[in-house]
Amino acid sequence: MSNSKFVIDKIAKLFEQGIINYRDFSNEILNILKSKRDELVFKMKLTSKEETEIIKKRLDNLEKKISILEKKNKKKTKKAKRF
């Protein structure tokens, strides 16, 4: 119950601050939920904080490499020659 109250309080504070833009609102909600998820993971002691940060950096690097490779593959497509 306290976790849901925490999220509701955060959303109420966002409205009080006058966030009008939908993107800002959705980004703030995602940040709140991510922080609560991280707190839960740390409380469960699944991984240490350092290990989690290293894994996040590796994942970011892999995502960047994948996006670069996808861009390269799109550029290499050629039309077939007609006879």
Protein backbone atom coordinates (compact mmCIF):
# COMPACT_ATOMS: atom_id res chain seq x y z
CA MET A 1 0.00 0.00 0.00
CA SER A 2 2.83 2.39 0.79
CA ASN A 3 4.38 1.86 -2.67
CA SER A 4 1.18 2.84 -4.46
CA LYS A 5 0.80 5.83 -2.15
CA PHE A 6 4.37 6.87 -3.01
CA VAL A 7 3.64 6.79 -6.74
CA ILE A 8 0.37 8.68 -6.31
CA ASP A 9 2.13 11.33 -4.21
CA LYS A 10 4.78 11.76 -6.90
CA ILE A 11 2.12 12.16 -9.60
CA ALA A 12 0.28 14.70 -7.44
CA LYS A 13 3.51 16.70 -7.04
CA LEU A 14 3.92 16.71 -10.83
CA PHE A 15 0.47 18.22 -11.23
CA GLU A 16 1.24 20.78 -8.55
CA GLN A 17 4.39 21.84 -10.39
CA GLY A 18 2.30 22.43 -13.49
CA ILE A 19 3.76 19.96 -15.93
CA ILE A 20 1.56 20.45 -18.96
CA ASN A 21 3.42 18.65 -21.71
CA TYR A 22 2.44 15.00 -22.18
CA ARG A 23 6.03 13.95 -22.90
CA ASP A 24 7.30 15.49 -19.70
CA PHE A 25 4.54 13.79 -17.76
CA SER A 26 5.20 10.38 -19.31
CA ASN A 27 8.96 10.73 -18.79
CA GLU A 28 8.48 11.62 -15.15
CA ILE A 29 6.18 8.64 -14.59
CA LEU A 30 8.70 6.32 -16.24
CA ASN A 31 11.49 7.72 -14.08
CA ILE A 32 9.43 7.20 -10.94
CA LEU A 33 8.62 3.61 -11.88
CA LYS A 34 12.23 2.85 -12.80
CA SER A 35 13.46 4.18 -9.48
CA LYS A 36 10.94 2.06 -7.60
CA ARG A 37 12.00 -0.98 -9.65
CA ASP A 38 15.66 -0.32 -8.83
CA GLU A 39 14.84 0.02 -5.14
CA LEU A 40 13.03 -3.31 -5.24
CA VAL A 41 15.95 -5.03 -6.95
CA PHE A 42 18.40 -3.65 -4.41
CA LYS A 43 16.18 -4.68 -1.50
CA MET A 44 16.00 -8.22 -2.87
CA LYS A 45 19.80 -8.18 -3.15
CA LEU A 46 19.74 -9.76 -6.59
CA THR A 47 22.84 -7.86 -7.65
CA SER A 48 25.07 -5.26 -6.13
CA LYS A 49 24.86 -1.65 -7.23
CA GLU A 50 28.18 -1.82 -9.08
CA GLU A 51 27.18 -4.98 -10.94
CA THR A 52 23.91 -3.40 -11.97
CA GLU A 53 25.65 -0.30 -13.30
CA ILE A 54 28.13 -2.41 -15.28
CA ILE A 55 25.32 -4.47 -16.77
CA LYS A 56 23.41 -1.31 -17.72
CA LYS A 57 26.49 0.11 -19.47
CA ARG A 58 27.04 -3.12 -21.37
CA LEU A 59 23.40 -3.21 -22.40
CA ASP A 60 23.57 0.40 -23.62
CA ASN A 61 26.68 -0.38 -25.68
CA LEU A 62 25.02 -3.43 -27.22
CA GLU A 63 21.90 -1.44 -28.10
CA LYS A 64 24.04 1.22 -29.79
CA LYS A 65 25.90 -1.42 -31.80
CA ILE A 66 22.64 -3.04 -32.87
CA SER A 67 21.20 0.27 -34.03
CA ILE A 68 24.38 1.02 -36.00
CA LEU A 69 24.27 -2.40 -37.66
CA GLU A 70 20.59 -1.99 -38.52
CA LYS A 71 21.33 1.36 -40.17
CA LYS A 72 24.17 -0.17 -42.20
CA ASN A 73 21.97 -3.05 -43.36
CA LYS A 74 19.27 -0.66 -44.55
CA LYS A 75 21.76 1.27 -46.66
CA LYS A 76 23.17 -1.83 -48.38
CA THR A 77 19.92 -2.93 -50.03
CA LYS A 78 20.07 -2.70 -53.81
CA LYS A 79 17.49 -3.00 -56.52
CA ALA A 80 17.62 -6.01 -58.82
CA LYS A 81 18.72 -5.43 -62.41
CA ARG A 82 16.21 -6.02 -65.16
CA PHE A 83 17.17 -7.93 -68.26
